[in-house]
Amino acid sequence: MGRLWVGPMAAVALSSFGISGLRQVGPFSWIHLLSVITLVLLVRAVLYARRGHVAAHRWTMIGLYLGALVITGLFTLLPGRIMGHVVFG
C-alpha cells in the first residue's frame, strides 16, 4: 500500500516544478519549497520503513499527509484561487 501512496505523491511533487505562474524568486515560488520538502520527507519515510523504524516512518507519513495534502489542499480553496471559485462559486 505504501508504494501506491509514495509514487503518486512523488509524481505530484515533481510535476509542480512545471508550475511557473507565481514566480517569486526567479522561476520559483513557495510551492516549489513545499515540493522539495515533500520529496525529502518521502525519501526519509521510505528509509525509515526499510530500516525498521516503524514509529519514525509512521510520524513522517502522518506529517506528510497533513502538510502535503490537508494544509496545502486548503490553500487551494482560498478566495481568488481557481479551485476556490470552482468549489464556492
PDB file of N, CA and C in Angstrom:
ATOM      1  N   MET A   1       0.824  -1.185   0.000  1.00  0.00           N
ATOM      2  CA  MET A   1       0.000   0.000   0.000  1.00  0.00           C
ATOM      3  C   MET A   1       0.877   1.261   0.000  1.00  0.00           C
ATOM      4  N   GLY A   2       2.005   1.218   0.680  1.00  0.00           N
ATOM      5  CA  GLY A   2       2.866   2.385   0.774  1.00  0.00           C
ATOM      6  C   GLY A   2       3.377   2.841  -0.571  1.00  0.00           C
ATOM      7  N   ARG A   3       3.735   1.901  -1.427  1.00  0.00           N
ATOM      8  CA  ARG A   3       4.239   2.262  -2.753  1.00  0.00           C
ATOM      9  C   ARG A   3       3.160   2.949  -3.580  1.00  0.00           C
ATOM     10  N   LEU A   4       1.916   2.537  -3.371  1.00  0.00           N
ATOM     11  CA  LEU A   4       0.811   3.156  -4.101  1.00  0.00           C
ATOM     12  C   LEU A   4       0.577   4.594  -3.645  1.00  0.00           C
ATOM     13  N   TRP A   5       1.038   4.936  -2.462  1.00  0.00           N
ATOM     14  CA  TRP A   5       0.883   6.298  -1.975  1.00  0.00           C
ATOM     15  C   TRP A   5       2.123   7.137  -2.270  1.00  0.00           C
ATOM     16  N   VAL A   6       3.307   6.554  -2.070  1.00  0.00           N
ATOM     17  CA  VAL A   6       4.555   7.289  -2.280  1.00  0.00           C
ATOM     18  C   VAL A   6       4.730   7.660  -3.755  1.00  0.00           C
ATOM     19  N   GLY A   7       4.430   6.747  -4.652  1.00  0.00           N
ATOM     20  CA  GLY A   7       4.591   7.006  -6.089  1.00  0.00           C
ATOM     21  C   GLY A   7       3.812   8.221  -6.571  1.00  0.00           C
ATOM     22  N   PRO A   8       2.510   8.258  -6.359  1.00  0.00           N
ATOM     23  CA  PRO A   8       1.739   9.434  -6.788  1.00  0.00           C
ATOM     24  C   PRO A   8       2.141  10.718  -6.062  1.00  0.00           C
ATOM     25  N   MET A   9       2.491  10.624  -4.779  1.00  0.00           N
ATOM     26  CA  MET A   9       2.926  11.821  -4.053  1.00  0.00           C
ATOM     27  C   MET A   9       4.203  12.386  -4.683  1.00  0.00           C
ATOM     28  N   ALA A  10       5.131  11.494  -5.025  1.00  0.00           N
ATOM     29  CA  ALA A  10       6.377  11.933  -5.671  1.00  0.00           C
ATOM     30  C   ALA A  10       6.077  12.533  -7.044  1.00  0.00           C
ATOM     31  N   ALA A  11       5.174  11.899  -7.785  1.00  0.00           N
ATOM     32  CA  ALA A  11       4.828  12.398  -9.118  1.00  0.00           C
ATOM     33  C   ALA A  11       4.204  13.790  -9.050  1.00  0.00           C
ATOM     34  N   VAL A  12       3.326  14.002  -8.089  1.00  0.00           N
ATOM     35  CA  VAL A  12       2.682  15.309  -7.940  1.00  0.00           C
ATOM     36  C   VAL A  12       3.707  16.362  -7.516  1.00  0.00           C
ATOM     37  N   ALA A  13       4.572  16.009  -6.568  1.00  0.00           N
ATOM     38  CA  ALA A  13       5.593  16.960  -6.118  1.00  0.00           C
ATOM     39  C   ALA A  13       6.530  17.317  -7.270  1.00  0.00           C
ATOM     40  N   LEU A  14       6.934  16.329  -8.046  1.00  0.00           N
ATOM     41  CA  LEU A  14       7.821  16.597  -9.184  1.00  0.00           C
ATOM     42  C   LEU A  14       7.117  17.417 -10.266  1.00  0.00           C
ATOM     43  N   SER A  15       5.838  17.132 -10.485  1.00  0.00           N
ATOM     44  CA  SER A  15       5.113  17.865 -11.529  1.00  0.00           C
ATOM     45  C   SER A  15       4.934  19.340 -11.176  1.00  0.00           C
ATOM     46  N   SER A  16       5.004  19.676  -9.896  1.00  0.00           N
ATOM     47  CA  SER A  16       4.838  21.074  -9.501  1.00  0.00           C
ATOM     48  C   SER A  16       5.971  21.955 -10.015  1.00  0.00           C
ATOM     49  N   PHE A  17       7.099  21.352 -10.368  1.00  0.00           N
ATOM     50  CA  PHE A  17       8.200  22.147 -10.895  1.00  0.00           C
ATOM     51  C   PHE A  17       7.892  22.674 -12.299  1.00  0.00           C
ATOM     52  N   GLY A  18       6.812  22.203 -12.890  1.00  0.00           N
ATOM     53  CA  GLY A  18       6.354  22.730 -14.167  1.00  0.00           C
ATOM     54  C   GLY A  18       5.459  23.957 -14.007  1.00  0.00           C
ATOM     55  N   ILE A  19       5.089  24.281 -12.763  1.00  0.00           N
ATOM     56  CA  ILE A  19       4.261  25.450 -12.486  1.00  0.00           C
ATOM     57  C   ILE A  19       5.173  26.656 -12.337  1.00  0.00           C
ATOM     58  N   SER A  20       4.944  27.669 -13.144  1.00  0.00           N
ATOM     59  CA  SER A  20       5.816  28.849 -13.062  1.00  0.00           C
ATOM     60  C   SER A  20       5.012  30.144 -13.012  1.00  0.00           C
ATOM     61  N   GLY A  21       3.757  30.066 -12.697  1.00  0.00           N
ATOM     62  CA  GLY A  21       2.903  31.250 -12.712  1.00  0.00           C
ATOM     63  C   GLY A  21       3.120  32.211 -11.563  1.00  0.00           C
ATOM     64  N   LEU A  22       3.606  31.749 -10.417  1.00  0.00           N
ATOM     65  CA  LEU A  22       3.742  32.628  -9.264  1.00  0.00           C
ATOM     66  C   LEU A  22       5.084  33.343  -9.204  1.00  0.00           C
ATOM     67  N   ARG A  23       6.117  32.805  -9.739  1.00  0.00           N
ATOM     68  CA  ARG A  23       7.468  33.384  -9.851  1.00  0.00           C
ATOM     69  C   ARG A  23       7.795  34.439  -8.800  1.00  0.00           C
ATOM     70  N   GLN A  24       8.144  33.988  -7.609  1.00  0.00           N
ATOM     71  CA  GLN A  24       8.513  34.907  -6.544  1.00  0.00           C
ATOM     72  C   GLN A  24      10.030  35.063  -6.410  1.00  0.00           C
ATOM     73  N   VAL A  25      10.768  33.996  -6.667  1.00  0.00           N
ATOM     74  CA  VAL A  25      12.236  34.024  -6.627  1.00  0.00           C
ATOM     75  C   VAL A  25      12.720  33.386  -7.921  1.00  0.00           C
ATOM     76  N   GLY A  26      12.971  34.209  -8.920  1.00  0.00           N
ATOM     77  CA  GLY A  26      13.323  33.665 -10.236  1.00  0.00           C
ATOM     78  C   GLY A  26      12.124  32.900 -10.774  1.00  0.00           C
ATOM     79  N   PRO A  27      12.328  31.674 -11.243  1.00  0.00           N
ATOM     80  CA  PRO A  27      11.196  30.885 -11.748  1.00  0.00           C
ATOM     81  C   PRO A  27      10.467  30.115 -10.648  1.00  0.00           C
ATOM     82  N   PHE A  28      10.876  30.307  -9.380  1.00  0.00           N
ATOM     83  CA  PHE A  28      10.334  29.509  -8.280  1.00  0.00           C
ATOM     84  C   PHE A  28       9.416  30.317  -7.369  1.00  0.00           C
ATOM     85  N   SER A  29       8.603  29.570  -6.588  1.00  0.00           N
ATOM     86  CA  SER A  29       7.713  30.179  -5.607  1.00  0.00           C
ATOM     87  C   SER A  29       7.666  29.275  -4.385  1.00  0.00           C
ATOM     88  N   TRP A  30       6.808  29.624  -3.430  1.00  0.00           N
ATOM     89  CA  TRP A  30       6.680  28.835  -2.206  1.00  0.00           C
ATOM     90  C   TRP A  30       6.235  27.413  -2.495  1.00  0.00           C
ATOM     91  N   ILE A  31       5.494  27.200  -3.550  1.00  0.00           N
ATOM     92  CA  ILE A  31       5.028  25.849  -3.886  1.00  0.00           C
ATOM     93  C   ILE A  31       6.207  24.926  -4.169  1.00  0.00           C
ATOM     94  N   HIS A  32       7.272  25.471  -4.727  1.00  0.00           N
ATOM     95  CA  HIS A  32       8.444  24.650  -5.019  1.00  0.00           C
ATOM     96  C   HIS A  32       9.162  24.243  -3.742  1.00  0.00           C
ATOM     97  N   LEU A  33       9.166  25.114  -2.741  1.00  0.00           N
ATOM     98  CA  LEU A  33       9.747  24.764  -1.453  1.00  0.00           C
ATOM     99  C   LEU A  33       8.964  23.617  -0.817  1.00  0.00           C
ATOM    100  N   LEU A  34       7.644  23.700  -0.880  1.00  0.00           N
ATOM    101  CA  LEU A  34       6.813  22.613  -0.355  1.00  0.00           C
ATOM    102  C   LEU A  34       7.079  21.307  -1.092  1.00  0.00           C
ATOM    103  N   SER A  35       7.309  21.389  -2.381  1.00  0.00           N
ATOM    104  CA  SER A  35       7.588  20.186  -3.173  1.00  0.00           C
ATOM    105  C   SER A  35       8.920  19.566  -2.791  1.00  0.00           C
ATOM    106  N   VAL A  36       9.928  20.391  -2.572  1.00  0.00           N
ATOM    107  CA  VAL A  36      11.239  19.879  -2.150  1.00  0.00           C
ATOM    108  C   VAL A  36      11.115  19.209  -0.779  1.00  0.00           C
ATOM    109  N   ILE A  37      10.413  19.860   0.146  1.00  0.00           N
ATOM    110  CA  ILE A  37      10.208  19.280   1.481  1.00  0.00           C
ATOM    111  C   ILE A  37       9.474  17.950   1.372  1.00  0.00           C
ATOM    112  N   THR A  38       8.449  17.893   0.540  1.00  0.00           N
ATOM    113  CA  THR A  38       7.696  16.656   0.347  1.00  0.00           C
ATOM    114  C   THR A  38       8.590  15.550  -0.178  1.00  0.00           C
ATOM    115  N   LEU A  39       9.405  15.836  -1.177  1.00  0.00           N
ATOM    116  CA  LEU A  39      10.288  14.823  -1.743  1.00  0.00           C
ATOM    117  C   LEU A  39      11.311  14.333  -0.719  1.00  0.00           C
ATOM    118  N   VAL A  40      11.870  15.250   0.050  1.00  0.00           N
ATOM    119  CA  VAL A  40      12.847  14.857   1.082  1.00  0.00           C
ATOM    120  C   VAL A  40      12.181  13.973   2.133  1.00  0.00           C
ATOM    121  N   LEU A  41      10.990  14.346   2.573  1.00  0.00           N
ATOM    122  CA  LEU A  41      10.298  13.554   3.584  1.00  0.00           C
ATOM    123  C   LEU A  41       9.845  12.202   3.057  1.00  0.00           C
ATOM    124  N   LEU A  42       9.500  12.123   1.779  1.00  0.00           N
ATOM    125  CA  LEU A  42       9.154  10.821   1.192  1.00  0.00           C
ATOM    126  C   LEU A  42      10.350   9.884   1.231  1.00  0.00           C
ATOM    127  N   VAL A  43      11.505  10.391   0.843  1.00  0.00           N
ATOM    128  CA  VAL A  43      12.723   9.564   0.882  1.00  0.00           C
ATOM    129  C   VAL A  43      13.016   9.144   2.318  1.00  0.00           C
ATOM    130  N   ARG A  44      12.901  10.090   3.225  1.00  0.00           N
ATOM    131  CA  ARG A  44      13.158   9.804   4.642  1.00  0.00           C
ATOM    132  C   ARG A  44      12.202   8.738   5.174  1.00  0.00           C
ATOM    133  N   ALA A  45      10.931   8.841   4.838  1.00  0.00           N
ATOM    134  CA  ALA A  45       9.936   7.874   5.305  1.00  0.00           C
ATOM    135  C   ALA A  45      10.219   6.478   4.757  1.00  0.00           C
ATOM    136  N   VAL A  46      10.603   6.395   3.490  1.00  0.00           N
ATOM    137  CA  VAL A  46      10.916   5.092   2.896  1.00  0.00           C
ATOM    138  C   VAL A  46      12.142   4.494   3.580  1.00  0.00           C
ATOM    139  N   LEU A  47      13.157   5.304   3.838  1.00  0.00           N
ATOM    140  CA  LEU A  47      14.349   4.801   4.531  1.00  0.00           C
ATOM    141  C   LEU A  47      14.002   4.321   5.937  1.00  0.00           C
ATOM    142  N   TYR A  48      13.164   5.062   6.645  1.00  0.00           N
ATOM    143  CA  TYR A  48      12.723   4.620   7.970  1.00  0.00           C
ATOM    144  C   TYR A  48      12.038   3.259   7.885  1.00  0.00           C
ATOM    145  N   ALA A  49      11.167   3.091   6.919  1.00  0.00           N
ATOM    146  CA  ALA A  49      10.445   1.828   6.777  1.00  0.00           C
ATOM    147  C   ALA A  49      11.408   0.681   6.470  1.00  0.00           C
ATOM    148  N   ARG A  50      12.333   0.899   5.573  1.00  0.00           N
ATOM    149  CA  ARG A  50      13.288  -0.158   5.205  1.00  0.00           C
ATOM    150  C   ARG A  50      14.210  -0.534   6.353  1.00  0.00           C
ATOM    151  N   ARG A  51      14.506   0.430   7.212  1.00  0.00           N
ATOM    152  CA  ARG A  51      15.395   0.164   8.347  1.00  0.00           C
ATOM    153  C   ARG A  51      14.650  -0.350   9.574  1.00  0.00           C
ATOM    154  N   GLY A  52      13.323  -0.435   9.467  1.00  0.00           N
ATOM    155  CA  GLY A  52      12.529  -0.969  10.560  1.00  0.00           C
ATOM    156  C   GLY A  52      12.163   0.029  11.638  1.00  0.00           C
ATOM    157  N   HIS A  53      12.336   1.296  11.383  1.00  0.00           N
ATOM    158  CA  HIS A  53      11.977   2.350  12.342  1.00  0.00           C
ATOM    159  C   HIS A  53      10.504   2.720  12.128  1.00  0.00           C
ATOM    160  N   VAL A  54       9.640   1.865  12.630  1.00  0.00           N
ATOM    161  CA  VAL A  54       8.209   1.976  12.349  1.00  0.00           C
ATOM    162  C   VAL A  54       7.610   3.273  12.889  1.00  0.00           C
ATOM    163  N   ALA A  55       7.947   3.635  14.111  1.00  0.00           N
ATOM    164  CA  ALA A  55       7.361   4.849  14.700  1.00  0.00           C
ATOM    165  C   ALA A  55       7.796   6.093  13.917  1.00  0.00           C
ATOM    166  N   ALA A  56       9.068   6.179  13.562  1.00  0.00           N
ATOM    167  CA  ALA A  56       9.555   7.325  12.790  1.00  0.00           C
ATOM    168  C   ALA A  56       8.892   7.367  11.413  1.00  0.00           C
ATOM    169  N   HIS A  57       8.732   6.203  10.808  1.00  0.00           N
ATOM    170  CA  HIS A  57       8.058   6.113   9.500  1.00  0.00           C
ATOM    171  C   HIS A  57       6.618   6.599   9.624  1.00  0.00           C
ATOM    172  N   ARG A  58       5.932   6.122  10.641  1.00  0.00           N
ATOM    173  CA  ARG A  58       4.521   6.481  10.845  1.00  0.00           C
ATOM    174  C   ARG A  58       4.367   7.999  10.996  1.00  0.00           C
ATOM    175  N   TRP A  59       5.181   8.620  11.861  1.00  0.00           N
ATOM    176  CA  TRP A  59       5.044  10.057  12.104  1.00  0.00           C
ATOM    177  C   TRP A  59       5.443  10.889  10.893  1.00  0.00           C
ATOM    178  N   THR A  60       6.416  10.410  10.152  1.00  0.00           N
ATOM    179  CA  THR A  60       6.799  11.125   8.930  1.00  0.00           C
ATOM    180  C   THR A  60       5.656  11.083   7.923  1.00  0.00           C
ATOM    181  N   MET A  61       5.034   9.936   7.781  1.00  0.00           N
ATOM    182  CA  MET A  61       3.926   9.810   6.825  1.00  0.00           C
ATOM    183  C   MET A  61       2.697  10.601   7.279  1.00  0.00           C
ATOM    184  N   ILE A  62       2.435  10.617   8.582  1.00  0.00           N
ATOM    185  CA  ILE A  62       1.321  11.426   9.090  1.00  0.00           C
ATOM    186  C   ILE A  62       1.597  12.908   8.826  1.00  0.00           C
ATOM    187  N   GLY A  63       2.823  13.344   9.071  1.00  0.00           N
ATOM    188  CA  GLY A  63       3.193  14.723   8.791  1.00  0.00           C
ATOM    189  C   GLY A  63       3.068  15.071   7.320  1.00  0.00           C
ATOM    190  N   LEU A  64       3.463  14.139   6.460  1.00  0.00           N
ATOM    191  CA  LEU A  64       3.319  14.358   5.017  1.00  0.00           C
ATOM    192  C   LEU A  64       1.855  14.477   4.628  1.00  0.00           C
ATOM    193  N   TYR A  65       1.035  13.614   5.172  1.00  0.00           N
ATOM    194  CA  TYR A  65      -0.387  13.657   4.853  1.00  0.00           C
ATOM    195  C   TYR A  65      -0.989  14.994   5.268  1.00  0.00           C
ATOM    196  N   LEU A  66      -0.714  15.396   6.495  1.00  0.00           N
ATOM    197  CA  LEU A  66      -1.284  16.656   6.977  1.00  0.00           C
ATOM    198  C   LEU A  66      -0.710  17.859   6.235  1.00  0.00           C
ATOM    199  N   GLY A  67       0.601  17.883   6.053  1.00  0.00           N
ATOM    200  CA  GLY A  67       1.239  19.037   5.429  1.00  0.00           C
ATOM    201  C   GLY A  67       1.068  19.105   3.934  1.00  0.00           C
ATOM    202  N   ALA A  68       1.297  17.979   3.264  1.00  0.00           N
ATOM    203  CA  ALA A  68       1.294  17.985   1.804  1.00  0.00           C
ATOM    204  C   ALA A  68      -0.106  17.870   1.212  1.00  0.00           C
ATOM    205  N   LEU A  69      -1.021  17.286   1.935  1.00  0.00           N
ATOM    206  CA  LEU A  69      -2.365  17.125   1.379  1.00  0.00           C
ATOM    207  C   LEU A  69      -3.399  18.039   2.036  1.00  0.00           C
ATOM    208  N   VAL A  70      -3.518  17.977   3.331  1.00  0.00           N
ATOM    209  CA  VAL A  70      -4.579  18.722   4.006  1.00  0.00           C
ATOM    210  C   VAL A  70      -4.313  20.230   3.986  1.00  0.00           C
ATOM    211  N   ILE A  71      -3.169  20.652   4.506  1.00  0.00           N
ATOM    212  CA  ILE A  71      -2.889  22.088   4.595  1.00  0.00           C
ATOM    213  C   ILE A  71      -2.738  22.703   3.206  1.00  0.00           C
ATOM    214  N   THR A  72      -1.945  22.068   2.353  1.00  0.00           N
ATOM    215  CA  THR A  72      -1.772  22.594   1.001  1.00  0.00           C
ATOM    216  C   THR A  72      -3.098  22.567   0.245  1.00  0.00           C
ATOM    217  N   GLY A  73      -3.898  21.540   0.463  1.00  0.00           N
ATOM    218  CA  GLY A  73      -5.215  21.472  -0.170  1.00  0.00           C
ATOM    219  C   GLY A  73      -6.119  22.615   0.247  1.00  0.00           C
ATOM    220  N   LEU A  74      -6.044  22.994   1.519  1.00  0.00           N
ATOM    221  CA  LEU A  74      -6.848  24.121   1.993  1.00  0.00           C
ATOM    222  C   LEU A  74      -6.412  25.430   1.345  1.00  0.00           C
ATOM    223  N   PHE A  75      -5.112  25.593   1.089  1.00  0.00           N
ATOM    224  CA  PHE A  75      -4.630  26.801   0.421  1.00  0.00           C
ATOM    225  C   PHE A  75      -5.210  26.942  -0.991  1.00  0.00           C
ATOM    226  N   THR A  76      -5.527  25.829  -1.634  1.00  0.00           N
ATOM    227  CA  THR A  76      -6.087  25.919  -2.992  1.00  0.00           C
ATOM    228  C   THR A  76      -7.510  26.462  -2.976  1.00  0.00           C
ATOM    229  N   LEU A  77      -8.145  26.444  -1.803  1.00  0.00           N
ATOM    230  CA  LEU A  77      -9.529  26.916  -1.703  1.00  0.00           C
ATOM    231  C   LEU A  77      -9.639  28.383  -1.289  1.00  0.00           C
ATOM    232  N   LEU A  78      -8.516  29.059  -1.129  1.00  0.00           N
ATOM    233  CA  LEU A  78      -8.556  30.469  -0.741  1.00  0.00           C
ATOM    234  C   LEU A  78      -9.264  31.314  -1.797  1.00  0.00           C
ATOM    235  N   PRO A  79      -9.883  32.410  -1.374  1.00  0.00           N
ATOM    236  CA  PRO A  79     -10.532  33.307  -2.336  1.00  0.00           C
ATOM    237  C   PRO A  79      -9.514  33.808  -3.370  1.00  0.00           C
ATOM    238  N   GLY A  80      -9.948  33.849  -4.602  1.00  0.00           N
ATOM    239  CA  GLY A  80      -9.082  34.297  -5.684  1.00  0.00           C
ATOM    240  C   GLY A  80      -8.372  33.155  -6.383  1.00  0.00           C
ATOM    241  N   ARG A  81      -8.389  31.964  -5.817  1.00  0.00           N
ATOM    242  CA  ARG A  81      -7.755  30.804  -6.435  1.00  0.00           C
ATOM    243  C   ARG A  81      -8.793  30.095  -7.299  1.00  0.00           C
ATOM    244  N   ILE A  82      -8.336  29.411  -8.329  1.00  0.00           N
ATOM    245  CA  ILE A  82      -9.246  28.751  -9.276  1.00  0.00           C
ATOM    246  C   ILE A  82     -10.135  27.739  -8.554  1.00  0.00           C
ATOM    247  N   MET A  83      -9.538  26.881  -7.708  1.00  0.00           N
ATOM    248  CA  MET A  83     -10.344  25.868  -7.023  1.00  0.00           C
ATOM    249  C   MET A  83     -11.339  26.503  -6.042  1.00  0.00           C
ATOM    250  N   GLY A  84     -10.981  27.644  -5.472  1.00  0.00           N
ATOM    251  CA  GLY A  84     -11.930  28.355  -4.624  1.00  0.00           C
ATOM    252  C   GLY A  84     -13.170  28.769  -5.390  1.00  0.00           C
ATOM    253  N   HIS A  85     -12.952  29.232  -6.608  1.00  0.00           N
ATOM    254  CA  HIS A  85     -14.096  29.605  -7.477  1.00  0.00           C
ATOM    255  C   HIS A  85     -14.895  28.374  -7.887  1.00  0.00           C
ATOM    256  N   VAL A  86     -14.207  27.282  -8.166  1.00  0.00           N
ATOM    257  CA  VAL A  86     -14.901  26.055  -8.592  1.00  0.00           C
ATOM    258  C   VAL A  86     -15.775  25.522  -7.458  1.00  0.00           C
ATOM    259  N   VAL A  87     -15.236  25.472  -6.245  1.00  0.00           N
ATOM    260  CA  VAL A  87     -15.963  24.893  -5.118  1.00  0.00           C
ATOM    261  C   VAL A  87     -17.019  25.832  -4.563  1.00  0.00           C
ATOM    262  N   PHE A  88     -16.677  27.115  -4.408  1.00  0.00           N
ATOM    263  CA  PHE A  88     -17.582  28.049  -3.747  1.00  0.00           C
ATOM    264  C   PHE A  88     -18.339  28.981  -4.688  1.00  0.00           C
ATOM    265  N   GLY A  89     -18.008  28.905  -5.970  1.00  0.00           N
ATOM    266  CA  GLY A  89     -18.722  29.695  -6.955  1.00  0.00           C
ATOM    267  C   GLY A  89     -18.260  31.068  -7.170  1.00  0.00           C
TER     268      GLY A  89
END
